């Protein structure tokens, strides 16, 4: 399934849970990512390592907020 629960990884990296659109996606290193907007997909494609590093740092905290 999509990474980050289907949330846009660029927004996750900013600490925001923004739902990804199944029509706006990208596969990076055999993993599926959904994006809320084409602009965030393009930002991810330009610097995936940076986005993923920040998103992984914030994802645990965001998951806790979403579970409330």
C-alpha atoms as a PDB file:
ATOM      1  CA  UNK A   1       0.000   0.000   0.000  1.00  0.00           C
ATOM      2  CA  UNK A   2       0.945   3.644  -0.118  1.00  0.00           C
ATOM      3  CA  UNK A   3       3.527   4.979   2.304  1.00  0.00           C
ATOM      4  CA  UNK A   4       2.533   7.291   5.182  1.00  0.00           C
ATOM      5  CA  UNK A   5      -0.980   5.856   5.189  1.00  0.00           C
ATOM      6  CA  UNK A   6      -1.743   7.504   1.856  1.00  0.00           C
ATOM      7  CA  UNK A   7      -0.982  10.992   3.156  1.00  0.00           C
ATOM      8  CA  UNK A   8       1.094  13.355   1.031  1.00  0.00           C
ATOM      9  CA  UNK A   9       4.745  12.928   2.147  1.00  0.00           C
ATOM     10  CA  UNK A  10       5.611  16.570   1.410  1.00  0.00           C
ATOM     11  CA  UNK A  11       2.858  17.692   3.772  1.00  0.00           C
ATOM     12  CA  UNK A  12       3.821  15.008   6.311  1.00  0.00           C
ATOM     13  CA  UNK A  13       7.356  16.460   6.222  1.00  0.00           C
ATOM     14  CA  UNK A  14       5.772  19.817   7.167  1.00  0.00           C
ATOM     15  CA  UNK A  15       3.853  18.195  10.007  1.00  0.00           C
ATOM     16  CA  UNK A  16       0.486  18.245   8.228  1.00  0.00           C
ATOM     17  CA  UNK A  17      -1.737  15.252   7.418  1.00  0.00           C
ATOM     18  CA  UNK A  18      -3.062  16.047   3.930  1.00  0.00           C
ATOM     19  CA  UNK A  19      -4.742  13.137   2.158  1.00  0.00           C
ATOM     20  CA  UNK A  20      -3.118  11.958  -1.031  1.00  0.00           C
ATOM     21  CA  UNK A  21      -5.066  11.727  -4.269  1.00  0.00           C
ATOM     22  CA  UNK A  22      -4.840   8.256  -5.859  1.00  0.00           C
ATOM     23  CA  UNK A  23      -4.555   9.945  -9.262  1.00  0.00           C
ATOM     24  CA  UNK A  24      -1.399  11.866  -8.234  1.00  0.00           C
ATOM     25  CA  UNK A  25       1.288   9.352  -7.381  1.00  0.00           C
ATOM     26  CA  UNK A  26       4.919   8.396  -7.787  1.00  0.00           C
ATOM     27  CA  UNK A  27       6.940   5.252  -7.143  1.00  0.00           C
ATOM     28  CA  UNK A  28      10.342   5.794  -5.554  1.00  0.00           C
ATOM     29  CA  UNK A  29      12.605   2.899  -4.562  1.00  0.00           C
ATOM     30  CA  UNK A  30       9.741   0.440  -5.165  1.00  0.00           C
ATOM     31  CA  UNK A  31       7.439   2.318  -2.765  1.00  0.00           C
ATOM     32  CA  UNK A  32       4.189   4.040  -3.692  1.00  0.00           C
ATOM     33  CA  UNK A  33       3.565   7.610  -2.564  1.00  0.00           C
ATOM     34  CA  UNK A  34       0.313   9.531  -3.032  1.00  0.00           C
ATOM     35  CA  UNK A  35       0.237  13.310  -3.285  1.00  0.00           C
ATOM     36  CA  UNK A  36      -2.498  15.852  -2.710  1.00  0.00           C
ATOM     37  CA  UNK A  37      -1.341  18.130  -5.502  1.00  0.00           C
ATOM     38  CA  UNK A  38       0.884  17.851  -8.577  1.00  0.00           C
ATOM     39  CA  UNK A  39       3.099  20.572  -7.081  1.00  0.00           C
ATOM     40  CA  UNK A  40       3.954  18.457  -4.045  1.00  0.00           C
ATOM     41  CA  UNK A  41       4.651  15.436  -6.254  1.00  0.00           C
ATOM     42  CA  UNK A  42       7.082  17.569  -8.249  1.00  0.00           C
ATOM     43  CA  UNK A  43       8.723  18.866  -5.052  1.00  0.00           C
ATOM     44  CA  UNK A  44       9.152  15.273  -3.865  1.00  0.00           C
ATOM     45  CA  UNK A  45      10.612  14.197  -7.210  1.00  0.00           C
ATOM     46  CA  UNK A  46      13.173  17.025  -7.024  1.00  0.00           C
ATOM     47  CA  UNK A  47      14.473  16.017  -3.568  1.00  0.00           C
ATOM     48  CA  UNK A  48      13.070  12.659  -2.404  1.00  0.00           C
ATOM     49  CA  UNK A  49      15.777  11.948   0.191  1.00  0.00           C
ATOM     50  CA  UNK A  50      15.243  15.291   1.924  1.00  0.00           C
ATOM     51  CA  UNK A  51      11.448  14.988   1.914  1.00  0.00           C
ATOM     52  CA  UNK A  52      11.523  11.396   3.171  1.00  0.00           C
ATOM     53  CA  UNK A  53      13.994  12.200   5.932  1.00  0.00           C
ATOM     54  CA  UNK A  54      11.758  14.998   7.241  1.00  0.00           C
ATOM     55  CA  UNK A  55       8.545  13.013   6.722  1.00  0.00           C
ATOM     56  CA  UNK A  56       9.842   9.980   8.621  1.00  0.00           C
ATOM     57  CA  UNK A  57      10.829  12.212  11.539  1.00  0.00           C
ATOM     58  CA  UNK A  58       7.311  13.664  11.782  1.00  0.00           C
ATOM     59  CA  UNK A  59       5.224  10.615  10.845  1.00  0.00           C
ATOM     60  CA  UNK A  60       5.126   8.997  14.296  1.00  0.00           C
ATOM     61  CA  UNK A  61       3.862  12.213  15.890  1.00  0.00           C
ATOM     62  CA  UNK A  62       1.296  12.726  13.128  1.00  0.00           C
ATOM     63  CA  UNK A  63       0.024   9.155  13.518  1.00  0.00           C
ATOM     64  CA  UNK A  64      -0.530   9.807  17.224  1.00  0.00           C
ATOM     65  CA  UNK A  65      -2.497  12.979  16.440  1.00  0.00           C
ATOM     66  CA  UNK A  66      -4.605  11.169  13.840  1.00  0.00           C
ATOM     67  CA  UNK A  67      -5.423   8.375  16.286  1.00  0.00           C
ATOM     68  CA  UNK A  68      -7.071  10.790  18.730  1.00  0.00           C
END
